[in-house]
Amino acid sequence: MRFALPSREEAGVIEVLDLAGRRVWSQKVAPHAESVEWSGRANGVRASGVFFARLTRAAHASRSGSCC
């Protein structure tokens, strides 16, 4: 997945969510990162279906609880 953080000095968290909004995968993103690769696995099993990706700033993610 390719993305752009609003600030190259701020870390982030990218999450993959299923249609019900459940997180199936997440990864911390370094401030300079422009992409991550998701293996398509969730809980050790190959995931199938439709998924959404959400990118948040690490400071925002830490306020809403544990991310990874």
PDB file of N, CA and C in Angstrom:
ATOM      1  N   MET A   1       0.847  -1.154   0.000  1.00  0.00           N
ATOM      2  CA  MET A   1       0.000   0.000   0.000  1.00  0.00           C
ATOM      3  C   MET A   1       0.899   1.225   0.000  1.00  0.00           C
ATOM      4  N   ARG A   2       0.622   2.130  -0.869  1.00  0.00           N
ATOM      5  CA  ARG A   2       1.373   3.391  -0.929  1.00  0.00           C
ATOM      6  C   ARG A   2       0.538   4.484  -0.259  1.00  0.00           C
ATOM      7  N   PHE A   3       1.221   5.410   0.392  1.00  0.00           N
ATOM      8  CA  PHE A   3       0.527   6.481   1.111  1.00  0.00           C
ATOM      9  C   PHE A   3       1.481   7.646   1.307  1.00  0.00           C
ATOM     10  N   ALA A   4       0.951   8.727   1.838  1.00  0.00           N
ATOM     11  CA  ALA A   4       1.765   9.899   2.171  1.00  0.00           C
ATOM     12  C   ALA A   4       1.313  10.416   3.533  1.00  0.00           C
ATOM     13  N   LEU A   5       2.255  10.513   4.457  1.00  0.00           N
ATOM     14  CA  LEU A   5       1.959  11.108   5.757  1.00  0.00           C
ATOM     15  C   LEU A   5       1.954  12.623   5.613  1.00  0.00           C
ATOM     16  N   PRO A   6       1.090  13.323   6.343  1.00  0.00           N
ATOM     17  CA  PRO A   6       1.033  14.779   6.217  1.00  0.00           C
ATOM     18  C   PRO A   6       2.343  15.462   6.613  1.00  0.00           C
ATOM     19  N   SER A   7       3.097  14.851   7.501  1.00  0.00           N
ATOM     20  CA  SER A   7       4.368  15.415   7.928  1.00  0.00           C
ATOM     21  C   SER A   7       5.434  14.332   7.849  1.00  0.00           C
ATOM     22  N   ARG A   8       6.551  14.627   7.206  1.00  0.00           N
ATOM     23  CA  ARG A   8       7.632  13.650   7.079  1.00  0.00           C
ATOM     24  C   ARG A   8       8.353  13.468   8.416  1.00  0.00           C
ATOM     25  N   GLU A   9       7.962  14.236   9.426  1.00  0.00           N
ATOM     26  CA  GLU A   9       8.599  14.158  10.734  1.00  0.00           C
ATOM     27  C   GLU A   9       7.745  13.415  11.749  1.00  0.00           C
ATOM     28  N   GLU A  10       6.607  12.900  11.325  1.00  0.00           N
ATOM     29  CA  GLU A  10       5.682  12.277  12.254  1.00  0.00           C
ATOM     30  C   GLU A  10       5.415  10.830  11.848  1.00  0.00           C
ATOM     31  N   ALA A  11       5.502   9.924  12.809  1.00  0.00           N
ATOM     32  CA  ALA A  11       5.230   8.510  12.555  1.00  0.00           C
ATOM     33  C   ALA A  11       3.724   8.284  12.472  1.00  0.00           C
ATOM     34  N   GLY A  12       3.349   7.120  12.012  1.00  0.00           N
ATOM     35  CA  GLY A  12       1.937   6.791  11.892  1.00  0.00           C
ATOM     36  C   GLY A  12       1.681   5.318  12.140  1.00  0.00           C
ATOM     37  N   VAL A  13       0.435   4.944  12.005  1.00  0.00           N
ATOM     38  CA  VAL A  13       0.008   3.553  12.125  1.00  0.00           C
ATOM     39  C   VAL A  13      -0.941   3.284  10.971  1.00  0.00           C
ATOM     40  N   ILE A  14      -0.712   2.191  10.251  1.00  0.00           N
ATOM     41  CA  ILE A  14      -1.637   1.797   9.201  1.00  0.00           C
ATOM     42  C   ILE A  14      -2.350   0.535   9.657  1.00  0.00           C
ATOM     43  N   GLU A  15      -3.655   0.502   9.462  1.00  0.00           N
ATOM     44  CA  GLU A  15      -4.470  -0.633   9.866  1.00  0.00           C
ATOM     45  C   GLU A  15      -5.258  -1.138   8.668  1.00  0.00           C
ATOM     46  N   VAL A  16      -5.470  -2.440   8.615  1.00  0.00           N
ATOM     47  CA  VAL A  16      -6.365  -3.041   7.635  1.00  0.00           C
ATOM     48  C   VAL A  16      -7.584  -3.516   8.410  1.00  0.00           C
ATOM     49  N   LEU A  17      -8.761  -3.084   7.960  1.00  0.00           N
ATOM     50  CA  LEU A  17     -10.021  -3.391   8.644  1.00  0.00           C
ATOM     51  C   LEU A  17     -10.928  -4.191   7.734  1.00  0.00           C
ATOM     52  N   ASP A  18     -11.703  -5.114   8.327  1.00  0.00           N
ATOM     53  CA  ASP A  18     -12.703  -5.823   7.533  1.00  0.00           C
ATOM     54  C   ASP A  18     -13.957  -4.957   7.427  1.00  0.00           C
ATOM     55  N   LEU A  19     -14.964  -5.444   6.732  1.00  0.00           N
ATOM     56  CA  LEU A  19     -16.173  -4.637   6.517  1.00  0.00           C
ATOM     57  C   LEU A  19     -16.918  -4.307   7.806  1.00  0.00           C
ATOM     58  N   ALA A  20     -16.715  -5.104   8.846  1.00  0.00           N
ATOM     59  CA  ALA A  20     -17.360  -4.836  10.140  1.00  0.00           C
ATOM     60  C   ALA A  20     -16.552  -3.846  10.978  1.00  0.00           C
ATOM     61  N   GLY A  21     -15.406  -3.393  10.458  1.00  0.00           N
ATOM     62  CA  GLY A  21     -14.584  -2.440  11.181  1.00  0.00           C
ATOM     63  C   GLY A  21     -13.590  -3.067  12.134  1.00  0.00           C
ATOM     64  N   ARG A  22     -13.465  -4.389  12.100  1.00  0.00           N
ATOM     65  CA  ARG A  22     -12.504  -5.080  12.967  1.00  0.00           C
ATOM     66  C   ARG A  22     -11.115  -5.006  12.355  1.00  0.00           C
ATOM     67  N   ARG A  23     -10.131  -4.703  13.184  1.00  0.00           N
ATOM     68  CA  ARG A  23      -8.751  -4.640  12.702  1.00  0.00           C
ATOM     69  C   ARG A  23      -8.240  -6.057  12.482  1.00  0.00           C
ATOM     70  N   VAL A  24      -7.759  -6.337  11.278  1.00  0.00           N
ATOM     71  CA  VAL A  24      -7.196  -7.648  10.976  1.00  0.00           C
ATOM     72  C   VAL A  24      -5.674  -7.591  10.879  1.00  0.00           C
ATOM     73  N   TRP A  25      -5.118  -6.381  10.757  1.00  0.00           N
ATOM     74  CA  TRP A  25      -3.664  -6.216  10.676  1.00  0.00           C
ATOM     75  C   TRP A  25      -3.334  -4.751  10.937  1.00  0.00           C
ATOM     76  N   SER A  26      -2.184  -4.517  11.565  1.00  0.00           N
ATOM     77  CA  SER A  26      -1.719  -3.146  11.738  1.00  0.00           C
ATOM     78  C   SER A  26      -0.199  -3.138  11.795  1.00  0.00           C
ATOM     79  N   GLN A  27       0.369  -1.989  11.494  1.00  0.00           N
ATOM     80  CA  GLN A  27       1.825  -1.842  11.508  1.00  0.00           C
ATOM     81  C   GLN A  27       2.171  -0.388  11.770  1.00  0.00           C
ATOM     82  N   LYS A  28       3.177  -0.180  12.601  1.00  0.00           N
ATOM     83  CA  LYS A  28       3.684   1.174  12.807  1.00  0.00           C
ATOM     84  C   LYS A  28       4.406   1.605  11.539  1.00  0.00           C
ATOM     85  N   VAL A  29       4.326   2.901  11.234  1.00  0.00           N
ATOM     86  CA  VAL A  29       4.910   3.451  10.011  1.00  0.00           C
ATOM     87  C   VAL A  29       5.908   4.534  10.403  1.00  0.00           C
ATOM     88  N   ALA A  30       7.129   4.406   9.921  1.00  0.00           N
ATOM     89  CA  ALA A  30       8.168   5.399  10.196  1.00  0.00           C
ATOM     90  C   ALA A  30       7.828   6.714   9.493  1.00  0.00           C
ATOM     91  N   PRO A  31       8.311   7.842  10.014  1.00  0.00           N
ATOM     92  CA  PRO A  31       7.990   9.149   9.430  1.00  0.00           C
ATOM     93  C   PRO A  31       8.342   9.273   7.949  1.00  0.00           C
ATOM     94  N   HIS A  32       9.381   8.632   7.512  1.00  0.00           N
ATOM     95  CA  HIS A  32       9.829   8.766   6.121  1.00  0.00           C
ATOM     96  C   HIS A  32       9.236   7.700   5.193  1.00  0.00           C
ATOM     97  N   ALA A  33       8.452   6.767   5.734  1.00  0.00           N
ATOM     98  CA  ALA A  33       7.911   5.664   4.928  1.00  0.00           C
ATOM     99  C   ALA A  33       6.891   6.162   3.908  1.00  0.00           C
ATOM    100  N   GLU A  34       6.838   5.494   2.780  1.00  0.00           N
ATOM    101  CA  GLU A  34       5.870   5.813   1.726  1.00  0.00           C
ATOM    102  C   GLU A  34       5.011   4.624   1.350  1.00  0.00           C
ATOM    103  N   SER A  35       5.339   3.444   1.887  1.00  0.00           N
ATOM    104  CA  SER A  35       4.540   2.260   1.579  1.00  0.00           C
ATOM    105  C   SER A  35       4.793   1.173   2.615  1.00  0.00           C
ATOM    106  N   VAL A  36       3.860   0.237   2.700  1.00  0.00           N
ATOM    107  CA  VAL A  36       4.005  -0.972   3.506  1.00  0.00           C
ATOM    108  C   VAL A  36       3.464  -2.129   2.675  1.00  0.00           C
ATOM    109  N   GLU A  37       3.835  -3.326   3.070  1.00  0.00           N
ATOM    110  CA  GLU A  37       3.324  -4.505   2.378  1.00  0.00           C
ATOM    111  C   GLU A  37       2.591  -5.383   3.375  1.00  0.00           C
ATOM    112  N   TRP A  38       1.348  -5.710   3.054  1.00  0.00           N
ATOM    113  CA  TRP A  38       0.547  -6.611   3.875  1.00  0.00           C
ATOM    114  C   TRP A  38       0.504  -7.948   3.164  1.00  0.00           C
ATOM    115  N   SER A  39       0.786  -9.010   3.871  1.00  0.00           N
ATOM    116  CA  SER A  39       0.845 -10.350   3.276  1.00  0.00           C
ATOM    117  C   SER A  39      -0.533 -10.903   2.917  1.00  0.00           C
ATOM    118  N   GLY A  40      -1.580 -10.244   3.369  1.00  0.00           N
ATOM    119  CA  GLY A  40      -2.925 -10.764   3.132  1.00  0.00           C
ATOM    120  C   GLY A  40      -3.337 -11.791   4.167  1.00  0.00           C
ATOM    121  N   ARG A  41      -2.560 -11.866   5.239  1.00  0.00           N
ATOM    122  CA  ARG A  41      -2.870 -12.822   6.295  1.00  0.00           C
ATOM    123  C   ARG A  41      -3.436 -12.079   7.508  1.00  0.00           C
ATOM    124  N   ALA A  42      -4.389 -12.715   8.161  1.00  0.00           N
ATOM    125  CA  ALA A  42      -4.974 -12.172   9.386  1.00  0.00           C
ATOM    126  C   ALA A  42      -5.013 -13.295  10.410  1.00  0.00           C
ATOM    127  N   ASN A  43      -4.384 -13.094  11.538  1.00  0.00           N
ATOM    128  CA  ASN A  43      -4.301 -14.113  12.594  1.00  0.00           C
ATOM    129  C   ASN A  43      -3.717 -15.417  12.069  1.00  0.00           C
ATOM    130  N   GLY A  44      -2.738 -15.320  11.186  1.00  0.00           N
ATOM    131  CA  GLY A  44      -2.051 -16.491  10.664  1.00  0.00           C
ATOM    132  C   GLY A  44      -2.775 -17.221   9.544  1.00  0.00           C
ATOM    133  N   VAL A  45      -3.933 -16.724   9.139  1.00  0.00           N
ATOM    134  CA  VAL A  45      -4.736 -17.369   8.096  1.00  0.00           C
ATOM    135  C   VAL A  45      -4.882 -16.414   6.920  1.00  0.00           C
ATOM    136  N   ARG A  46      -4.837 -16.953   5.715  1.00  0.00           N
ATOM    137  CA  ARG A  46      -5.016 -16.125   4.517  1.00  0.00           C
ATOM    138  C   ARG A  46      -6.392 -15.469   4.563  1.00  0.00           C
ATOM    139  N   ALA A  47      -6.423 -14.147   4.502  1.00  0.00           N
ATOM    140  CA  ALA A  47      -7.676 -13.393   4.585  1.00  0.00           C
ATOM    141  C   ALA A  47      -8.319 -13.284   3.206  1.00  0.00           C
ATOM    142  N   SER A  48      -9.632 -13.314   3.171  1.00  0.00           N
ATOM    143  CA  SER A  48     -10.339 -13.106   1.909  1.00  0.00           C
ATOM    144  C   SER A  48     -11.490 -12.142   2.164  1.00  0.00           C
ATOM    145  N   GLY A  49     -11.888 -11.431   1.140  1.00  0.00           N
ATOM    146  CA  GLY A  49     -12.976 -10.487   1.273  1.00  0.00           C
ATOM    147  C   GLY A  49     -12.557  -9.085   0.883  1.00  0.00           C
ATOM    148  N   VAL A  50     -13.330  -8.117   1.335  1.00  0.00           N
ATOM    149  CA  VAL A  50     -13.076  -6.708   1.059  1.00  0.00           C
ATOM    150  C   VAL A  50     -12.542  -6.070   2.340  1.00  0.00           C
ATOM    151  N   PHE A  51     -11.489  -5.279   2.193  1.00  0.00           N
ATOM    152  CA  PHE A  51     -10.858  -4.649   3.340  1.00  0.00           C
ATOM    153  C   PHE A  51     -10.645  -3.167   3.072  1.00  0.00           C
ATOM    154  N   PHE A  52     -10.556  -2.407   4.149  1.00  0.00           N
ATOM    155  CA  PHE A  52     -10.246  -0.987   4.089  1.00  0.00           C
ATOM    156  C   PHE A  52      -8.922  -0.759   4.802  1.00  0.00           C
ATOM    157  N   ALA A  53      -8.185   0.247   4.387  1.00  0.00           N
ATOM    158  CA  ALA A  53      -6.958   0.634   5.073  1.00  0.00           C
ATOM    159  C   ALA A  53      -7.178   2.001   5.703  1.00  0.00           C
ATOM    160  N   ARG A  54      -6.668   2.156   6.934  1.00  0.00           N
ATOM    161  CA  ARG A  54      -6.770   3.438   7.634  1.00  0.00           C
ATOM    162  C   ARG A  54      -5.376   3.826   8.105  1.00  0.00           C
ATOM    163  N   LEU A  55      -4.974   5.043   7.792  1.00  0.00           N
ATOM    164  CA  LEU A  55      -3.676   5.574   8.204  1.00  0.00           C
ATOM    165  C   LEU A  55      -3.920   6.709   9.187  1.00  0.00           C
ATOM    166  N   THR A  56      -3.325   6.600  10.372  1.00  0.00           N
ATOM    167  CA  THR A  56      -3.466   7.648  11.382  1.00  0.00           C
ATOM    168  C   THR A  56      -2.085   8.051  11.883  1.00  0.00           C
ATOM    169  N   ARG A  57      -1.996   9.241  12.399  1.00  0.00           N
ATOM    170  CA  ARG A  57      -0.752   9.686  13.029  1.00  0.00           C
ATOM    171  C   ARG A  57      -0.544   8.875  14.296  1.00  0.00           C
ATOM    172  N   ALA A  58       0.699   8.551  14.609  1.00  0.00           N
ATOM    173  CA  ALA A  58       1.005   7.741  15.797  1.00  0.00           C
ATOM    174  C   ALA A  58       0.519   8.425  17.064  1.00  0.00           C
ATOM    175  N   ALA A  59       0.644   9.746  17.155  1.00  0.00           N
ATOM    176  CA  ALA A  59       0.179  10.468  18.352  1.00  0.00           C
ATOM    177  C   ALA A  59      -1.311  10.279  18.535  1.00  0.00           C
ATOM    178  N   HIS A  60      -2.088  10.306  17.434  1.00  0.00           N
ATOM    179  CA  HIS A  60      -3.537  10.102  17.501  1.00  0.00           C
ATOM    180  C   HIS A  60      -3.842   8.663  17.876  1.00  0.00           C
ATOM    181  N   ALA A  61      -3.140   7.715  17.313  1.00  0.00           N
ATOM    182  CA  ALA A  61      -3.393   6.299  17.571  1.00  0.00           C
ATOM    183  C   ALA A  61      -3.096   5.948  19.028  1.00  0.00           C
ATOM    184  N   SER A  62      -2.055   6.525  19.610  1.00  0.00           N
ATOM    185  CA  SER A  62      -1.704   6.199  20.976  1.00  0.00           C
ATOM    186  C   SER A  62      -2.763   6.717  21.962  1.00  0.00           C
ATOM    187  N   ARG A  63      -3.461   7.780  21.611  1.00  0.00           N
ATOM    188  CA  ARG A  63      -4.514   8.306  22.483  1.00  0.00           C
ATOM    189  C   ARG A  63      -5.733   7.391  22.455  1.00  0.00           C
ATOM    190  N   SER A  64      -5.946   6.672  21.356  1.00  0.00           N
ATOM    191  CA  SER A  64      -7.143   5.842  21.260  1.00  0.00           C
ATOM    192  C   SER A  64      -6.889   4.407  21.700  1.00  0.00           C
ATOM    193  N   GLY A  65      -5.689   4.106  22.203  1.00  0.00           N
ATOM    194  CA  GLY A  65      -5.405   2.785  22.721  1.00  0.00           C
ATOM    195  C   GLY A  65      -4.276   2.108  21.997  1.00  0.00           C
ATOM    196  N   SER A  66      -4.052   0.872  22.337  1.00  0.00           N
ATOM    197  CA  SER A  66      -2.968   0.091  21.734  1.00  0.00           C
ATOM    198  C   SER A  66      -3.252  -0.167  20.274  1.00  0.00           C
ATOM    199  N   CYS A  67      -2.216  -0.136  19.472  1.00  0.00           N
ATOM    200  CA  CYS A  67      -2.439  -0.266  18.041  1.00  0.00           C
ATOM    201  C   CYS A  67      -1.967  -1.582  17.461  1.00  0.00           C
ATOM    202  N   CYS A  68      -0.906  -2.192  18.011  1.00  0.00           N
ATOM    203  CA  CYS A  68      -0.294  -3.297  17.264  1.00  0.00           C
ATOM    204  C   CYS A  68      -0.144  -4.560  18.063  1.00  0.00           C
TER     205      CYS A  68
END
